[in-house]
Amino acid sequence: MNQEEPSVAGKAILDAVEQQIKNNDPPKVKQTLKRLKSLGISRKESIKFIACALSIEIFGVLKNEEEFNPQRYNENLDKLPELPWEDE
C-alpha cells in the first residue's frame, strides 16, 4: 500500500472534514483551515491536521464509549498545528 494514500478509514475521516468545511458545520473547522493556511501550511496538510483532531474524537467515542465532545474537538482545533497527542 502506498503510504501517500490514506486507508479506507483515513479517507472517510478526510471526507468528513471536507464535508464539515463545505457545510461550515462546525464553523470552527473552516476557521481552522483558514488559520492554518495563513501560517503557510498547504490546504492538503491543513486538512490532515484537522483530520487528526477529528480522529481523536472518533477514537474516544469508540474506545471509551463516550459521547462526541464538541468542546474538546474545538480545543484541539485551536491547538493545531500542534497535534493533540504531542502534549501527553
N, C-alpha and C. Protein backbone atom coordinates (compact mmCIF):
# COMPACT_ATOMS: atom_id res chain seq x y z
N MET A 1 0.84 -1.18 0.00
CA MET A 1 0.00 0.00 0.00
C MET A 1 0.88 1.24 0.00
N ASN A 2 0.54 2.20 -0.79
CA ASN A 2 1.28 3.45 -0.88
C ASN A 2 1.04 4.27 0.38
N GLN A 3 2.11 4.69 1.04
CA GLN A 3 2.00 5.46 2.28
C GLN A 3 1.35 6.82 2.04
N GLU A 4 1.38 7.32 0.81
CA GLU A 4 0.78 8.61 0.49
C GLU A 4 -0.74 8.52 0.43
N GLU A 5 -1.25 7.32 0.19
CA GLU A 5 -2.69 7.14 0.08
C GLU A 5 -3.26 6.74 1.44
N PRO A 6 -4.32 7.43 1.87
CA PRO A 6 -4.90 7.08 3.17
C PRO A 6 -5.63 5.75 3.12
N SER A 7 -5.76 5.12 4.26
CA SER A 7 -6.54 3.90 4.38
C SER A 7 -8.01 4.24 4.13
N VAL A 8 -8.84 3.23 4.10
CA VAL A 8 -10.28 3.46 3.93
C VAL A 8 -10.80 4.33 5.08
N ALA A 9 -10.39 4.01 6.30
CA ALA A 9 -10.83 4.80 7.46
C ALA A 9 -10.28 6.22 7.37
N GLY A 10 -9.01 6.32 6.98
CA GLY A 10 -8.40 7.64 6.85
C GLY A 10 -9.11 8.49 5.81
N LYS A 11 -9.47 7.86 4.69
CA LYS A 11 -10.19 8.58 3.63
C LYS A 11 -11.56 9.03 4.14
N ALA A 12 -12.22 8.19 4.92
CA ALA A 12 -13.53 8.55 5.46
C ALA A 12 -13.42 9.77 6.38
N ILE A 13 -12.36 9.82 7.17
CA ILE A 13 -12.16 10.96 8.07
C ILE A 13 -11.84 12.22 7.26
N LEU A 14 -10.99 12.09 6.24
CA LEU A 14 -10.70 13.24 5.38
C LEU A 14 -11.97 13.73 4.68
N ASP A 15 -12.80 12.80 4.23
CA ASP A 15 -14.07 13.16 3.59
C ASP A 15 -14.99 13.88 4.58
N ALA A 16 -15.00 13.41 5.83
CA ALA A 16 -15.83 14.05 6.86
C ALA A 16 -15.37 15.49 7.09
N VAL A 17 -14.06 15.70 7.12
CA VAL A 17 -13.52 17.06 7.29
C VAL A 17 -13.95 17.93 6.11
N GLU A 18 -13.84 17.40 4.90
CA GLU A 18 -14.25 18.17 3.72
C GLU A 18 -15.73 18.54 3.80
N GLN A 19 -16.57 17.63 4.29
CA GLN A 19 -17.99 17.91 4.45
C GLN A 19 -18.21 18.99 5.50
N GLN A 20 -17.46 18.92 6.61
CA GLN A 20 -17.58 19.94 7.64
C GLN A 20 -17.23 21.32 7.08
N ILE A 21 -16.21 21.38 6.25
CA ILE A 21 -15.81 22.65 5.63
C ILE A 21 -16.90 23.12 4.66
N LYS A 22 -17.36 22.21 3.81
CA LYS A 22 -18.39 22.56 2.82
C LYS A 22 -19.65 23.07 3.49
N ASN A 23 -20.06 22.41 4.58
CA ASN A 23 -21.30 22.77 5.27
C ASN A 23 -21.10 23.84 6.33
N ASN A 24 -19.84 24.22 6.56
CA ASN A 24 -19.49 25.17 7.62
C ASN A 24 -20.11 24.73 8.95
N ASP A 25 -19.98 23.43 9.23
CA ASP A 25 -20.56 22.85 10.45
C ASP A 25 -19.63 21.77 10.99
N PRO A 26 -18.97 22.04 12.06
CA PRO A 26 -18.98 23.27 12.86
C PRO A 26 -18.13 24.36 12.20
N PRO A 27 -18.48 25.62 12.42
CA PRO A 27 -17.74 26.73 11.81
C PRO A 27 -16.25 26.74 12.17
N LYS A 28 -15.90 26.22 13.32
CA LYS A 28 -14.51 26.21 13.78
C LYS A 28 -13.60 25.47 12.80
N VAL A 29 -14.13 24.49 12.08
CA VAL A 29 -13.31 23.72 11.14
C VAL A 29 -12.85 24.62 9.99
N LYS A 30 -13.78 25.36 9.41
CA LYS A 30 -13.42 26.26 8.31
C LYS A 30 -12.48 27.36 8.81
N GLN A 31 -12.74 27.88 10.01
CA GLN A 31 -11.86 28.90 10.60
C GLN A 31 -10.45 28.34 10.80
N THR A 32 -10.37 27.11 11.25
CA THR A 32 -9.07 26.47 11.48
C THR A 32 -8.33 26.28 10.16
N LEU A 33 -9.05 25.88 9.12
CA LEU A 33 -8.43 25.73 7.81
C LEU A 33 -7.81 27.06 7.36
N LYS A 34 -8.56 28.14 7.49
CA LYS A 34 -8.06 29.46 7.10
C LYS A 34 -6.84 29.84 7.94
N ARG A 35 -6.90 29.57 9.23
CA ARG A 35 -5.80 29.92 10.13
C ARG A 35 -4.54 29.15 9.77
N LEU A 36 -4.68 27.85 9.55
CA LEU A 36 -3.51 27.03 9.21
C LEU A 36 -2.91 27.47 7.87
N LYS A 37 -3.77 27.78 6.91
CA LYS A 37 -3.26 28.25 5.61
C LYS A 37 -2.54 29.58 5.77
N SER A 38 -3.01 30.43 6.67
CA SER A 38 -2.34 31.72 6.90
C SER A 38 -0.96 31.53 7.53
N LEU A 39 -0.75 30.37 8.14
CA LEU A 39 0.56 30.04 8.71
C LEU A 39 1.51 29.47 7.66
N GLY A 40 1.01 29.36 6.43
CA GLY A 40 1.84 28.84 5.35
C GLY A 40 1.72 27.34 5.14
N ILE A 41 0.75 26.72 5.80
CA ILE A 41 0.53 25.28 5.66
C ILE A 41 -0.41 25.07 4.47
N SER A 42 -0.07 24.13 3.62
CA SER A 42 -0.90 23.87 2.43
C SER A 42 -2.30 23.42 2.83
N ARG A 43 -3.23 23.55 1.90
CA ARG A 43 -4.60 23.11 2.17
C ARG A 43 -4.61 21.62 2.49
N LYS A 44 -3.89 20.85 1.70
CA LYS A 44 -3.86 19.40 1.89
C LYS A 44 -3.34 19.04 3.28
N GLU A 45 -2.26 19.65 3.70
CA GLU A 45 -1.70 19.37 5.03
C GLU A 45 -2.62 19.89 6.13
N SER A 46 -3.26 21.04 5.90
CA SER A 46 -4.20 21.59 6.88
C SER A 46 -5.36 20.63 7.11
N ILE A 47 -5.87 20.05 6.02
CA ILE A 47 -6.97 19.08 6.13
C ILE A 47 -6.50 17.88 6.95
N LYS A 48 -5.27 17.45 6.73
CA LYS A 48 -4.73 16.32 7.50
C LYS A 48 -4.64 16.66 8.99
N PHE A 49 -4.21 17.87 9.31
CA PHE A 49 -4.16 18.29 10.72
C PHE A 49 -5.56 18.26 11.34
N ILE A 50 -6.53 18.80 10.63
CA ILE A 50 -7.91 18.82 11.14
C ILE A 50 -8.42 17.39 11.29
N ALA A 51 -8.08 16.53 10.35
CA ALA A 51 -8.49 15.12 10.43
C ALA A 51 -7.91 14.45 11.67
N CYS A 52 -6.71 14.84 12.07
CA CYS A 52 -6.11 14.30 13.30
C CYS A 52 -6.97 14.67 14.51
N ALA A 53 -7.40 15.92 14.57
CA ALA A 53 -8.24 16.36 15.68
C ALA A 53 -9.58 15.60 15.68
N LEU A 54 -10.15 15.40 14.50
CA LEU A 54 -11.40 14.65 14.40
C LEU A 54 -11.20 13.19 14.79
N SER A 55 -10.09 12.61 14.38
CA SER A 55 -9.84 11.20 14.69
C SER A 55 -9.70 10.97 16.19
N ILE A 56 -9.16 11.94 16.92
CA ILE A 56 -9.08 11.84 18.38
C ILE A 56 -10.48 11.70 18.97
N GLU A 57 -11.40 12.50 18.46
CA GLU A 57 -12.78 12.43 18.97
C GLU A 57 -13.44 11.10 18.60
N ILE A 58 -13.25 10.66 17.38
CA ILE A 58 -13.83 9.38 16.96
C ILE A 58 -13.26 8.25 17.80
N PHE A 59 -11.96 8.27 18.04
CA PHE A 59 -11.31 7.26 18.86
C PHE A 59 -11.92 7.24 20.27
N GLY A 60 -12.13 8.41 20.86
CA GLY A 60 -12.73 8.49 22.19
C GLY A 60 -14.13 7.91 22.23
N VAL A 61 -14.90 8.19 21.19
CA VAL A 61 -16.26 7.65 21.12
C VAL A 61 -16.22 6.12 21.07
N LEU A 62 -15.34 5.58 20.24
CA LEU A 62 -15.28 4.13 20.07
C LEU A 62 -14.63 3.42 21.25
N LYS A 63 -13.49 3.93 21.70
CA LYS A 63 -12.73 3.24 22.75
C LYS A 63 -13.37 3.40 24.12
N ASN A 64 -13.78 4.60 24.44
CA ASN A 64 -14.27 4.89 25.79
C ASN A 64 -15.78 4.90 25.89
N GLU A 65 -16.45 4.62 24.76
CA GLU A 65 -17.91 4.63 24.72
C GLU A 65 -18.46 5.92 25.31
N GLU A 66 -17.87 7.03 24.89
CA GLU A 66 -18.33 8.33 25.36
C GLU A 66 -18.95 9.10 24.21
N GLU A 67 -19.69 10.13 24.55
CA GLU A 67 -20.31 10.98 23.54
C GLU A 67 -19.25 11.80 22.81
N PHE A 68 -19.54 12.16 21.57
CA PHE A 68 -18.67 13.09 20.85
C PHE A 68 -18.63 14.38 21.67
N ASN A 69 -17.42 14.91 21.88
CA ASN A 69 -17.24 16.08 22.72
C ASN A 69 -16.87 17.28 21.84
N PRO A 70 -17.86 18.09 21.43
CA PRO A 70 -17.57 19.21 20.54
C PRO A 70 -16.63 20.23 21.16
N GLN A 71 -16.71 20.42 22.47
CA GLN A 71 -15.82 21.38 23.13
C GLN A 71 -14.37 20.93 23.02
N ARG A 72 -14.12 19.65 23.28
CA ARG A 72 -12.75 19.13 23.18
C ARG A 72 -12.27 19.18 21.73
N TYR A 73 -13.16 18.88 20.79
CA TYR A 73 -12.81 18.96 19.37
C TYR A 73 -12.38 20.38 19.02
N ASN A 74 -13.16 21.37 19.46
CA ASN A 74 -12.81 22.77 19.20
C ASN A 74 -11.49 23.14 19.85
N GLU A 75 -11.26 22.67 21.07
CA GLU A 75 -10.00 22.96 21.76
C GLU A 75 -8.82 22.35 21.00
N ASN A 76 -8.99 21.14 20.51
CA ASN A 76 -7.92 20.51 19.73
C ASN A 76 -7.70 21.23 18.40
N LEU A 77 -8.77 21.73 17.80
CA LEU A 77 -8.61 22.52 16.57
C LEU A 77 -7.82 23.79 16.86
N ASP A 78 -8.11 24.42 18.00
CA ASP A 78 -7.39 25.65 18.37
C ASP A 78 -5.90 25.42 18.56
N LYS A 79 -5.52 24.22 18.98
CA LYS A 79 -4.11 23.91 19.25
C LYS A 79 -3.31 23.60 17.98
N LEU A 80 -4.00 23.28 16.90
CA LEU A 80 -3.30 22.94 15.66
C LEU A 80 -2.44 24.11 15.20
N PRO A 81 -1.26 23.89 14.67
CA PRO A 81 -0.73 22.64 14.15
C PRO A 81 -0.10 21.72 15.19
N GLU A 82 -0.12 22.09 16.47
CA GLU A 82 0.33 21.12 17.48
C GLU A 82 -0.70 20.01 17.53
N LEU A 83 -0.23 18.78 17.45
CA LEU A 83 -1.15 17.64 17.45
C LEU A 83 -1.61 17.33 18.86
N PRO A 84 -2.85 16.88 19.00
CA PRO A 84 -3.43 16.65 20.33
C PRO A 84 -2.62 15.72 21.22
N TRP A 85 -1.92 14.77 20.64
CA TRP A 85 -1.18 13.80 21.46
C TRP A 85 0.24 14.26 21.75
N GLU A 86 0.69 15.39 21.22
CA GLU A 86 2.06 15.84 21.44
C GLU A 86 2.30 16.34 22.86
N ASP A 87 1.25 16.74 23.57
CA ASP A 87 1.44 17.26 24.92
C ASP A 87 1.19 16.21 25.99
N GLU A 88 1.01 14.98 25.59
CA GLU A 88 0.77 13.91 26.57
C GLU A 88 2.05 13.22 26.94
